[in-house]
């Protein structure tokens, strides 16, 4: 199964003496590939164990998110503005609270 790769990866594969098999994708499929790539990078972040690896995986997630903005004609500042607004409305995660479930208030 294939995956979306950064622009210089095919050249790096060629430099190893291997031949990459590539396919150009249309805009709709590219958008889907970006979202799948974000999941891939988030999974890699999930298992990263030390600071350098965590930083690398966060950087990869950020790169994909910023490309999604570009592909949709959105400015990254709009995402950042919305992040700030949601933090104001709902708070952050400093409290380290893990919701198990909700129950009716009359119980």
Protein backbone atom coordinates (compact mmCIF):
# COMPACT_ATOMS: atom_id res chain seq x y z
CA UNK A 1 0.00 0.00 0.00
CA UNK A 2 1.30 3.43 -0.87
CA UNK A 3 1.46 6.63 1.08
CA UNK A 4 2.00 10.31 0.57
CA UNK A 5 5.68 11.28 0.86
CA UNK A 6 7.56 14.53 1.07
CA UNK A 7 8.90 15.94 -2.20
CA UNK A 8 12.54 14.92 -1.71
CA UNK A 9 11.85 11.32 -0.65
CA UNK A 10 11.85 9.88 -4.21
CA UNK A 11 15.33 11.36 -4.79
CA UNK A 12 16.53 9.90 -1.50
CA UNK A 13 15.21 6.49 -2.58
CA UNK A 14 17.03 6.82 -5.92
CA UNK A 15 20.24 7.78 -4.10
CA UNK A 16 20.02 4.43 -2.27
CA UNK A 17 19.97 2.68 -5.65
CA UNK A 18 16.27 1.85 -5.51
CA UNK A 19 13.50 2.91 -7.89
CA UNK A 20 10.41 4.58 -6.44
CA UNK A 21 7.11 3.83 -8.15
CA UNK A 22 5.13 7.06 -7.99
CA UNK A 23 1.68 8.22 -8.98
CA UNK A 24 0.46 11.79 -9.37
CA UNK A 25 -2.90 12.26 -7.69
CA UNK A 26 -5.71 14.70 -8.35
CA UNK A 27 -6.67 17.44 -5.88
CA UNK A 28 -9.49 15.45 -4.27
CA UNK A 29 -7.30 12.39 -3.70
CA UNK A 30 -4.41 14.58 -2.54
CA UNK A 31 -6.64 16.10 0.15
CA UNK A 32 -7.60 12.61 1.32
CA UNK A 33 -3.94 11.53 1.24
CA UNK A 34 -3.01 14.50 3.41
CA UNK A 35 -5.60 13.52 5.99
CA UNK A 36 -4.38 9.91 5.96
CA UNK A 37 -0.82 11.22 6.34
CA UNK A 38 -1.90 13.22 9.39
CA UNK A 39 -3.24 10.02 10.97
CA UNK A 40 0.02 8.24 10.15
CA UNK A 41 2.07 11.02 11.71
CA UNK A 42 -0.20 11.19 14.77
CA UNK A 43 0.25 7.45 15.27
CA UNK A 44 4.02 7.91 15.09
CA UNK A 45 3.73 10.70 17.67
CA UNK A 46 1.73 8.35 19.88
CA UNK A 47 4.62 5.89 20.13
CA UNK A 48 7.50 8.41 20.18
CA UNK A 49 9.35 8.04 23.47
CA UNK A 50 11.99 10.74 23.74
CA UNK A 51 12.05 14.47 23.15
CA UNK A 52 13.83 14.44 19.77
CA UNK A 53 11.36 11.88 18.37
CA UNK A 54 8.37 13.68 19.87
CA UNK A 55 9.55 16.98 18.33
CA UNK A 56 10.12 15.30 14.94
CA UNK A 57 6.63 13.79 14.90
CA UNK A 58 5.00 17.03 16.03
CA UNK A 59 6.87 18.84 13.24
CA UNK A 60 5.59 16.26 10.74
CA UNK A 61 2.00 16.72 11.98
CA UNK A 62 2.37 20.49 11.71
CA UNK A 63 3.75 20.24 8.16
CA UNK A 64 0.75 18.18 7.08
CA UNK A 65 -1.72 20.51 8.80
CA UNK A 66 -0.17 23.53 7.14
CA UNK A 67 -0.33 21.84 3.72
CA UNK A 68 -4.02 21.09 4.29
CA UNK A 69 -4.48 24.83 4.87
CA UNK A 70 -2.63 25.66 1.66
CA UNK A 71 -4.65 23.17 -0.37
CA UNK A 72 -7.89 24.65 0.96
CA UNK A 73 -6.85 28.28 0.47
CA UNK A 74 -6.84 28.96 4.20
CA UNK A 75 -4.32 30.97 6.14
CA UNK A 76 -2.63 29.21 9.06
CA UNK A 77 -3.51 32.26 11.15
CA UNK A 78 -7.20 31.29 10.86
CA UNK A 79 -6.43 27.93 12.46
CA UNK A 80 -4.41 29.60 15.19
CA UNK A 81 -7.19 32.13 15.82
CA UNK A 82 -9.73 29.30 16.13
CA UNK A 83 -7.39 27.38 18.46
CA UNK A 84 -7.18 30.41 20.73
CA UNK A 85 -10.95 30.94 20.66
CA UNK A 86 -11.62 27.29 21.55
CA UNK A 87 -9.11 27.50 24.38
CA UNK A 88 -10.94 30.56 25.67
CA UNK A 89 -14.36 28.86 25.33
CA UNK A 90 -13.47 25.35 26.52
CA UNK A 91 -10.11 25.68 28.25
CA UNK A 92 -6.87 23.89 27.60
CA UNK A 93 -5.59 20.56 28.87
CA UNK A 94 -3.48 21.66 31.84
CA UNK A 95 -5.90 20.00 34.26
CA UNK A 96 -5.04 16.52 32.93
CA UNK A 97 -8.67 15.46 33.26
CA UNK A 98 -9.80 12.22 31.61
CA UNK A 99 -13.58 11.90 31.22
CA UNK A 100 -14.79 8.38 31.92
CA UNK A 101 -18.49 8.96 31.24
CA UNK A 102 -21.36 11.28 31.98
CA UNK A 103 -24.42 10.47 34.05
CA UNK A 104 -27.79 12.15 34.45
CA UNK A 105 -27.62 14.78 37.18
CA UNK A 106 -30.54 13.23 39.10
CA UNK A 107 -28.62 10.01 39.85
